[in-house]
Amino acid sequence: MSGKRFWRFFNRSDDEVELRIEGEIVDDDDTWAYEWLGIQHVTPNAFREELAKYKGKDLTVWIDSLGGVVWAAAGIYNALMEHQGRVTVKIDGKVLSAATIIAMAGDEVLMSPAAVMMVHNPWVHVAGDADSLRHMAGVLDEIKEAIINAYEIKTGLTRDELERLMDEETWMSARKAVELGFADGLLYTGDKCAQATARAAPVYAFSRLDVQMKADAAMRRLFDVARSLRGDDERERLALELELIKLKEVDGDEYVDP
């Protein structure tokens, strides 16, 4: 079964290409499960191979994503940073968690006035003894430092400031993202973009509301799969297990998701 990509390229002219990144950001190691179940996904390696076809062209990247796996996001970020051509990132809905790493690759980042951005600390799902857990805490600290590297290059904020924003799970309106340097301007506002900093709105106050909505949707999908389960059909069993994993992830036990 062929996988469903969460990105799509469109040629707009001889010199310009438009790219849309939507849905979950998936690691190379997990692609087999997504392919088996026909779930929308792509690997960073496949993304790099496709991007190489547009070498030298200016690129507009539209992002609407809840995030995903930090390794996959880092791979796509690196590919965009290496791209020979101007990269403009446009956020038309949400850019949360690992998706924010990809957004930082833009030479210019523009957000819809209705869009939101969220940064937080990396999460992990792990089992083991006390030494293993202490070791993993150190690993998470280093992963956080790596994420901060990308944020620091784009925003110009200090590492202490960025660490605080991640610790507090900061939700940003478009104007707040401009004020903090995560974005450069607002879409659809013309010259008003330059004044966005002076009129920056407060950070979004709904915190984990969007994640809770994702959890509710995962539960509904789980019930749908359970109702359709018949006998010991392997594919349906795997679908049920994957939905359980997804539900566990959005409840806070997610594996290395920034």
Protein backbone atom coordinates (compact mmCIF):
# COMPACT_ATOMS: atom_id res chain seq x y z
CA MET A 1 0.00 0.00 0.00
CA SER A 2 1.41 3.41 -0.90
CA GLY A 3 1.68 5.98 1.89
CA LYS A 4 -0.29 9.21 2.04
CA ARG A 5 2.04 12.18 2.18
CA PHE A 6 1.47 15.04 4.59
CA TRP A 7 3.18 17.40 2.12
CA ARG A 8 2.45 18.36 -1.49
CA PHE A 9 4.41 20.37 -4.05
CA PHE A 10 2.83 22.66 -6.68
CA ASN A 11 4.72 24.39 -9.48
CA ARG A 12 3.52 28.01 -9.63
CA SER A 13 5.99 29.23 -12.25
CA ASP A 14 9.39 28.40 -13.69
CA ASP A 15 11.02 30.02 -10.65
CA GLU A 16 8.52 29.41 -7.84
CA VAL A 17 7.17 26.32 -6.09
CA GLU A 18 4.46 26.08 -3.44
CA LEU A 19 4.58 23.40 -0.76
CA ARG A 20 1.84 22.46 1.70
CA ILE A 21 2.65 20.58 4.92
CA GLU A 22 -0.47 19.25 6.64
CA GLY A 23 -1.16 16.62 9.27
CA GLU A 24 1.19 14.65 11.51
CA ILE A 25 4.96 14.75 11.11
CA VAL A 26 6.22 11.15 11.07
CA ASP A 27 9.62 9.58 11.70
CA ASP A 28 11.32 7.27 9.18
CA ASP A 29 11.26 4.37 11.65
CA ASP A 30 7.47 4.49 11.99
CA THR A 31 6.56 4.65 8.33
CA TRP A 32 5.80 0.91 8.01
CA ALA A 33 2.81 1.14 10.35
CA TYR A 34 1.40 4.18 8.57
CA GLU A 35 1.85 2.53 5.17
CA TRP A 36 0.15 -0.66 6.37
CA LEU A 37 -2.85 1.26 7.67
CA GLY A 38 -2.97 3.82 4.84
CA ILE A 39 -2.56 6.80 7.16
CA GLN A 40 -1.34 10.16 5.81
CA HIS A 41 2.43 10.39 6.37
CA VAL A 42 5.87 10.79 4.83
CA THR A 43 9.48 10.17 5.85
CA PRO A 44 12.05 12.99 6.00
CA ASN A 45 14.26 11.09 3.55
CA ALA A 46 11.48 11.01 0.95
CA PHE A 47 10.84 14.71 1.58
CA ARG A 48 14.50 15.56 0.91
CA GLU A 49 14.47 13.55 -2.30
CA GLU A 50 11.37 15.38 -3.55
CA LEU A 51 12.69 18.81 -2.52
CA ALA A 52 15.92 18.22 -4.46
CA LYS A 53 13.89 18.32 -7.69
CA TYR A 54 13.23 22.03 -7.11
CA LYS A 55 16.81 23.13 -6.47
CA GLY A 56 17.29 26.83 -7.19
CA LYS A 57 13.59 27.69 -7.10
CA ASP A 58 11.99 30.02 -4.56
CA LEU A 59 9.75 28.08 -2.20
CA THR A 60 6.55 29.06 -0.38
CA VAL A 61 5.77 26.62 2.45
CA TRP A 62 2.24 26.58 3.89
CA ILE A 63 2.02 24.81 7.27
CA ASP A 64 -1.03 23.58 9.15
CA SER A 65 0.07 20.90 11.62
CA LEU A 66 -0.38 19.76 15.21
CA GLY A 67 3.23 18.56 15.18
CA GLY A 68 4.71 15.09 15.51
CA VAL A 69 8.14 13.54 15.97
CA VAL A 70 11.08 15.85 16.64
CA TRP A 71 13.52 13.83 14.52
CA ALA A 72 11.29 14.07 11.46
CA ALA A 73 10.74 17.80 11.96
CA ALA A 74 14.49 18.35 12.33
CA GLY A 75 15.14 16.47 9.10
CA ILE A 76 12.68 18.64 7.19
CA TYR A 77 14.04 21.81 8.84
CA ASN A 78 17.56 20.87 7.69
CA ALA A 79 16.38 20.17 4.16
CA LEU A 80 14.68 23.57 3.93
CA MET A 81 17.70 25.37 5.43
CA GLU A 82 19.91 23.73 2.79
CA HIS A 83 17.51 24.58 -0.07
CA GLN A 84 19.07 26.76 -2.75
CA GLY A 85 16.36 29.36 -3.13
CA ARG A 86 14.36 31.70 -0.92
CA VAL A 87 12.03 29.97 1.56
CA THR A 88 8.87 31.81 2.68
CA VAL A 89 6.80 30.10 5.37
CA LYS A 90 3.07 30.89 5.59
CA ILE A 91 0.98 29.60 8.49
CA ASP A 92 -2.71 29.47 7.68
CA GLY A 93 -4.08 27.54 10.64
CA LYS A 94 -1.95 26.09 13.41
CA VAL A 95 1.74 25.35 13.82
CA LEU A 96 2.20 23.48 17.08
CA SER A 97 4.92 21.49 18.80
CA ALA A 98 7.39 19.90 16.34
CA ALA A 99 5.84 21.79 13.42
CA THR A 100 7.33 25.01 14.81
CA ILE A 101 10.82 23.63 14.11
CA ILE A 102 9.99 23.40 10.41
CA ALA A 103 8.59 26.94 10.43
CA MET A 104 11.90 28.32 11.74
CA ALA A 105 13.54 27.40 8.41
CA GLY A 106 11.78 30.28 6.63
CA ASP A 107 13.74 33.30 5.42
CA GLU A 108 10.42 34.99 6.13
CA VAL A 109 7.60 33.62 8.28
CA LEU A 110 4.10 35.04 7.82
CA MET A 111 1.00 34.05 9.78
CA SER A 112 -2.70 34.38 9.10
CA PRO A 113 -4.32 36.73 11.65
CA ALA A 114 -6.38 33.71 12.72
CA ALA A 115 -3.43 31.31 13.07
CA VAL A 116 -1.84 30.09 16.32
CA MET A 117 1.63 28.84 17.25
CA MET A 118 2.65 26.79 20.29
CA VAL A 119 6.04 25.82 21.75
CA HIS A 120 6.61 23.44 24.64
CA ASN A 121 9.14 21.06 26.16
CA PRO A 122 9.84 17.69 24.51
CA TRP A 123 7.88 14.73 25.79
CA VAL A 124 8.85 11.07 25.90
CA HIS A 125 7.21 7.72 26.66
CA VAL A 126 9.73 5.46 28.40
CA ALA A 127 9.92 2.42 30.65
CA GLY A 128 12.80 1.20 32.77
CA ASP A 129 14.52 1.40 36.12
CA ALA A 130 15.47 4.55 38.02
CA ASP A 131 18.82 4.87 36.26
CA SER A 132 17.13 4.61 32.86
CA LEU A 133 14.62 7.30 33.77
CA ARG A 134 17.33 9.63 35.05
CA HIS A 135 19.28 9.04 31.85
CA MET A 136 16.21 9.84 29.73
CA ALA A 137 15.68 13.09 31.65
CA GLY A 138 19.18 14.11 30.57
CA VAL A 139 18.43 13.12 26.99
CA LEU A 140 15.31 15.29 27.02
CA ASP A 141 17.36 18.22 28.29
CA GLU A 142 19.73 17.86 25.33
CA ILE A 143 16.84 17.54 22.87
CA LYS A 144 15.41 20.74 24.31
CA GLU A 145 18.77 22.47 23.77
CA ALA A 146 18.73 21.34 20.13
CA ILE A 147 15.23 22.75 19.62
CA ILE A 148 16.28 26.02 21.25
CA ASN A 149 19.11 26.27 18.71
CA ALA A 150 16.57 26.54 15.88
CA TYR A 151 14.39 29.01 17.80
CA GLU A 152 17.39 31.16 18.73
CA ILE A 153 18.60 31.49 15.14
CA LYS A 154 15.18 32.71 14.02
CA THR A 155 13.99 34.83 16.95
CA GLY A 156 17.15 36.37 18.37
CA LEU A 157 15.77 35.74 21.87
CA THR A 158 18.13 34.60 24.61
CA ARG A 159 18.27 30.92 25.50
CA ASP A 160 16.87 31.68 28.94
CA GLU A 161 13.88 33.45 27.38
CA LEU A 162 13.25 30.58 24.99
CA GLU A 163 13.57 28.01 27.77
CA ARG A 164 10.95 29.90 29.79
CA LEU A 165 8.54 29.98 26.84
CA MET A 166 8.91 26.22 26.38
CA ASP A 167 8.57 25.52 30.11
CA GLU A 168 5.30 27.46 30.17
CA GLU A 169 3.90 25.77 27.02
CA THR A 170 3.40 29.10 25.31
CA TRP A 171 0.49 29.57 22.90
CA MET A 172 0.87 32.59 20.62
CA SER A 173 -1.52 34.55 18.47
CA ALA A 174 -0.08 35.74 15.16
CA ARG A 175 0.75 39.14 16.59
CA LYS A 176 2.37 37.66 19.68
CA ALA A 177 4.51 35.40 17.47
CA VAL A 178 5.66 38.50 15.55
CA GLU A 179 6.41 40.32 18.79
CA LEU A 180 8.57 37.45 20.02
CA GLY A 181 10.34 36.96 16.68
CA PHE A 182 8.89 33.56 15.76
CA ALA A 183 7.17 35.25 12.79
CA ASP A 184 8.01 38.29 10.67
CA GLY A 185 4.56 39.56 9.75
CA LEU A 186 0.86 38.93 9.23
CA LEU A 187 -0.81 37.80 6.02
CA TYR A 188 -3.63 39.80 4.40
CA THR A 189 -2.81 43.04 6.25
CA GLY A 190 -0.57 44.87 3.76
CA ASP A 191 1.44 47.66 5.38
CA LYS A 192 -0.10 46.85 8.74
CA CYS A 193 2.37 43.97 9.07
CA ALA A 194 5.12 46.39 10.03
CA GLN A 195 3.02 47.61 12.97
CA ALA A 196 2.22 44.15 14.29
CA THR A 197 4.80 44.29 17.04
CA ALA A 198 3.35 47.45 18.57
CA ARG A 199 -0.13 45.93 18.76
CA ALA A 200 0.82 42.44 19.83
CA ALA A 201 -2.05 40.52 21.38
CA PRO A 202 -1.79 38.46 24.60
CA VAL A 203 -0.72 34.83 24.50
CA TYR A 204 -3.62 32.46 23.88
CA ALA A 205 -5.14 31.37 27.15
CA PHE A 206 -6.81 28.11 26.15
CA SER A 207 -3.62 26.07 26.78
CA ARG A 208 -4.32 22.39 26.05
CA LEU A 209 -7.76 22.83 24.48
CA ASP A 210 -6.60 21.86 20.99
CA VAL A 211 -4.77 18.80 22.32
CA GLN A 212 -7.91 17.76 24.21
CA MET A 213 -9.93 18.09 21.00
CA LYS A 214 -7.40 15.79 19.31
CA ALA A 215 -7.84 13.29 22.16
CA ASP A 216 -11.61 13.34 21.71
CA ALA A 217 -11.23 12.73 17.98
CA ALA A 218 -8.84 9.85 18.67
CA MET A 219 -11.38 8.29 21.04
CA ARG A 220 -14.09 8.49 18.37
CA ARG A 221 -11.78 6.82 15.85
CA LEU A 222 -11.00 4.13 18.42
CA PHE A 223 -14.69 3.35 18.86
CA ASP A 224 -15.15 3.19 15.07
CA VAL A 225 -12.30 0.69 14.74
CA ALA A 226 -13.56 -1.38 17.69
CA ARG A 227 -17.06 -1.60 16.18
CA SER A 228 -15.65 -2.80 12.88
CA LEU A 229 -13.33 -5.39 14.48
CA ARG A 230 -14.11 -8.94 13.39
CA GLY A 231 -12.33 -12.09 14.56
CA ASP A 232 -8.54 -11.95 14.55
CA ASP A 233 -8.07 -9.91 11.36
CA GLU A 234 -4.47 -8.67 11.61
CA ARG A 235 -4.96 -5.33 9.92
CA GLU A 236 -7.88 -4.34 12.10
CA ARG A 237 -6.01 -5.45 15.22
CA LEU A 238 -3.08 -3.23 14.25
CA ALA A 239 -5.44 -0.33 13.57
CA LEU A 240 -6.88 -0.68 17.07
CA GLU A 241 -3.42 -0.82 18.65
CA LEU A 242 -2.30 2.28 16.73
CA GLU A 243 -5.35 4.24 17.87
CA LEU A 244 -4.60 3.26 21.47
CA ILE A 245 -1.03 4.50 21.03
CA LYS A 246 -2.25 7.80 19.55
CA LEU A 247 -4.72 8.27 22.38
CA LYS A 248 -1.96 7.68 24.92
CA GLU A 249 0.26 10.20 23.15
CA VAL A 250 -2.23 13.06 23.29
CA ASP A 251 -2.84 12.33 26.98
CA GLY A 252 0.75 13.39 27.68
CA ASP A 253 2.93 10.30 27.22
CA GLU A 254 4.12 11.21 23.75
CA TYR A 255 7.50 10.00 22.51
CA VAL A 256 10.01 12.79 21.94
CA ASP A 257 7.58 15.36 20.66
CA PRO A 258 8.73 18.95 21.26
